[in-house]
C-alpha atoms as a PDB file:
ATOM      1  CA  MET A   1      19.930  88.143 163.285  1.00  0.00           C
ATOM      2  CA  LYS A   2      17.130  85.673 163.927  1.00  0.00           C
ATOM      3  CA  CYS A   3      16.884  82.170 165.354  1.00  0.00           C
ATOM      4  CA  LEU A   4      14.545  79.878 163.455  1.00  0.00           C
ATOM      5  CA  THR A   5      13.405  77.117 165.805  1.00  0.00           C
ATOM      6  CA  LEU A   6      11.747  73.976 164.491  1.00  0.00           C
ATOM      7  CA  ILE A   7      10.112  71.370 166.719  1.00  0.00           C
ATOM      8  CA  VAL A   8       9.678  68.212 164.638  1.00  0.00           C
ATOM      9  CA  HIS A   9       8.852  64.584 165.304  1.00  0.00           C
ATOM     10  CA  ALA A  10      11.992  62.554 166.023  1.00  0.00           C
ATOM     11  CA  SER A  11      11.381  60.418 162.924  1.00  0.00           C
ATOM     12  CA  ALA A  12      11.696  63.549 160.744  1.00  0.00           C
ATOM     13  CA  LYS A  13      15.135  64.477 162.132  1.00  0.00           C
ATOM     14  CA  ARG A  14      17.215  63.109 159.241  1.00  0.00           C
ATOM     15  CA  ASP A  15      14.909  64.544 156.570  1.00  0.00           C
ATOM     16  CA  VAL A  16      14.911  68.031 158.111  1.00  0.00           C
ATOM     17  CA  ALA A  17      18.690  67.951 158.627  1.00  0.00           C
ATOM     18  CA  ASP A  18      19.245  66.869 155.011  1.00  0.00           C
ATOM     19  CA  ARG A  19      16.978  69.647 153.732  1.00  0.00           C
ATOM     20  CA  LEU A  20      18.735  72.273 155.861  1.00  0.00           C
ATOM     21  CA  ARG A  21      22.169  71.122 154.607  1.00  0.00           C
ATOM     22  CA  ASN A  22      21.014  71.794 151.029  1.00  0.00           C
ATOM     23  CA  ILE A  23      19.709  75.329 151.584  1.00  0.00           C
ATOM     24  CA  PRO A  24      22.200  78.018 150.528  1.00  0.00           C
ATOM     25  CA  GLY A  25      22.995  80.364 153.402  1.00  0.00           C
ATOM     26  CA  VAL A  26      22.410  77.805 156.145  1.00  0.00           C
ATOM     27  CA  SER A  27      25.895  77.346 157.548  1.00  0.00           C
ATOM     28  CA  GLY A  28      24.909  75.205 160.527  1.00  0.00           C
ATOM     29  CA  PHE A  29      22.202  74.223 162.962  1.00  0.00           C
ATOM     30  CA  THR A  30      21.741  72.568 166.344  1.00  0.00           C
ATOM     31  CA  LEU A  31      19.676  69.436 167.032  1.00  0.00           C
ATOM     32  CA  VAL A  32      18.382  68.783 170.552  1.00  0.00           C
ATOM     33  CA  PRO A  33      16.208  65.793 171.558  1.00  0.00           C
ATOM     34  CA  CYS A  34      13.067  66.779 173.462  1.00  0.00           C
ATOM     35  CA  GLU A  35       9.576  65.520 174.250  1.00  0.00           C
ATOM     36  CA  GLY A  36       6.311  67.239 173.483  1.00  0.00           C
ATOM     37  CA  HIS A  37       2.701  67.181 174.494  1.00  0.00           C
ATOM     38  CA  SER A  38      -0.186  69.245 173.174  1.00  0.00           C
ATOM     39  CA  ALA A  39      -3.901  69.036 172.561  1.00  0.00           C
ATOM     40  CA  GLU A  40      -3.063  67.846 169.032  1.00  0.00           C
ATOM     41  CA  THR A  41      -0.846  65.008 170.251  1.00  0.00           C
ATOM     42  CA  ARG A  42      -3.765  62.565 170.099  1.00  0.00           C
ATOM     43  CA  GLN A  43      -4.123  63.111 166.340  1.00  0.00           C
ATOM     44  CA  ASP A  44      -0.384  62.843 165.659  1.00  0.00           C
ATOM     45  CA  ALA A  45       0.134  60.341 162.828  1.00  0.00           C
ATOM     46  CA  PHE A  46       3.690  59.659 164.036  1.00  0.00           C
ATOM     47  CA  GLN A  47       2.561  58.730 167.541  1.00  0.00           C
ATOM     48  CA  SER A  48       3.222  55.159 168.642  1.00  0.00           C
ATOM     49  CA  VAL A  49       1.332  53.133 171.235  1.00  0.00           C
ATOM     50  CA  ARG A  50       4.158  53.905 173.709  1.00  0.00           C
ATOM     51  CA  ASP A  51       3.706  57.630 173.034  1.00  0.00           C
ATOM     52  CA  ARG A  52      -0.019  57.359 173.763  1.00  0.00           C
ATOM     53  CA  VAL A  53       0.628  55.557 177.052  1.00  0.00           C
ATOM     54  CA  GLU A  54       3.449  57.890 178.109  1.00  0.00           C
ATOM     55  CA  GLY A  55       1.466  60.997 177.159  1.00  0.00           C
ATOM     56  CA  TYR A  56       4.196  62.689 175.157  1.00  0.00           C
ATOM     57  CA  VAL A  57       5.871  62.323 171.775  1.00  0.00           C
ATOM     58  CA  PRO A  58       9.624  62.241 171.040  1.00  0.00           C
ATOM     59  CA  ARG A  59      10.626  65.403 169.209  1.00  0.00           C
ATOM     60  CA  VAL A  60      13.747  67.157 168.015  1.00  0.00           C
ATOM     61  CA  ARG A  61      14.342  70.876 168.427  1.00  0.00           C
ATOM     62  CA  VAL A  62      16.328  72.402 165.574  1.00  0.00           C
ATOM     63  CA  ASP A  63      17.811  75.887 165.994  1.00  0.00           C
ATOM     64  CA  VAL A  64      19.154  77.751 162.967  1.00  0.00           C
ATOM     65  CA  VAL A  65      20.728  81.222 163.218  1.00  0.00           C
ATOM     66  CA  LEU A  66      20.029  83.245 160.073  1.00  0.00           C
ATOM     67  CA  GLU A  67      20.180  86.752 158.724  1.00  0.00           C
ATOM     68  CA  ASP A  68      16.772  88.455 158.881  1.00  0.00           C
ATOM     69  CA  ALA A  69      16.393  88.377 155.089  1.00  0.00           C
ATOM     70  CA  GLN A  70      16.883  84.583 154.962  1.00  0.00           C
ATOM     71  CA  ILE A  71      14.058  83.570 157.299  1.00  0.00           C
ATOM     72  CA  THR A  72      11.167  83.588 154.819  1.00  0.00           C
ATOM     73  CA  SER A  73      13.034  81.732 152.059  1.00  0.00           C
ATOM     74  CA  VAL A  74      14.336  79.050 154.450  1.00  0.00           C
ATOM     75  CA  ILE A  75      10.854  78.449 155.890  1.00  0.00           C
ATOM     76  CA  GLU A  76       9.323  78.257 152.399  1.00  0.00           C
ATOM     77  CA  THR A  77      12.024  75.824 151.250  1.00  0.00           C
ATOM     78  CA  LEU A  78      11.414  73.588 154.270  1.00  0.00           C
ATOM     79  CA  LYS A  79       7.654  73.634 153.670  1.00  0.00           C
ATOM     80  CA  LYS A  80       8.087  72.568 150.032  1.00  0.00           C
ATOM     81  CA  GLY A  81      10.283  69.604 150.894  1.00  0.00           C
ATOM     82  CA  GLY A  82       7.851  67.817 153.205  1.00  0.00           C
ATOM     83  CA  PRO A  83       5.241  65.197 152.456  1.00  0.00           C
ATOM     84  CA  GLU A  84       2.172  66.714 150.785  1.00  0.00           C
ATOM     85  CA  GLY A  85      -0.374  67.696 153.418  1.00  0.00           C
ATOM     86  CA  ALA A  86       1.583  66.094 156.272  1.00  0.00           C
ATOM     87  CA  ARG A  87       2.566  68.161 159.277  1.00  0.00           C
ATOM     88  CA  ILE A  88       5.871  67.118 160.791  1.00  0.00           C
ATOM     89  CA  GLY A  89       6.174  69.913 163.333  1.00  0.00           C
ATOM     90  CA  ILE A  90       6.020  73.593 164.169  1.00  0.00           C
ATOM     91  CA  TRP A  91       8.352  76.562 163.812  1.00  0.00           C
ATOM     92  CA  PHE A  92       8.877  79.975 165.371  1.00  0.00           C
ATOM     93  CA  VAL A  93      11.334  82.846 165.011  1.00  0.00           C
ATOM     94  CA  SER A  94      13.134  84.724 167.791  1.00  0.00           C
ATOM     95  CA  ASP A  95      15.323  87.811 167.693  1.00  0.00           C
ATOM     96  CA  ILE A  96      19.003  87.450 168.526  1.00  0.00           C
ATOM     97  CA  HIS A  97      20.300  90.650 170.061  1.00  0.00           C
ATOM     98  CA  GLU A  98      23.887  89.511 170.454  1.00  0.00           C
ATOM     99  CA  SER A  99      25.975  86.436 169.699  1.00  0.00           C
ATOM    100  CA  GLY A 100      29.597  85.368 169.768  1.00  0.00           C
ATOM    101  CA  THR A 101      31.973  82.562 170.583  1.00  0.00           C
ATOM    102  CA  LEU A 102      33.372  81.503 173.943  1.00  0.00           C
END
């Protein structure tokens, strides 16, 4: 099992959630508000004047647990659905060694 983590601008939350809901094999995901800062923050097209003053940008972290074989197709599907040439965030994949319910 793998965890696909997306960090996207807060304004892209609904779009990313809608795209994930329409991908076969994605049975659920978690959305967590967060704030981000990086060297690229100054060139962020989504950044408001408030963001520039505060020094960080509102983001949403999206975690999706998937089978190993699903990772590539889900990432490719998400890439195709975005605005042409626009970057709305980053992604990374982590291994899940165990999981369960409490």
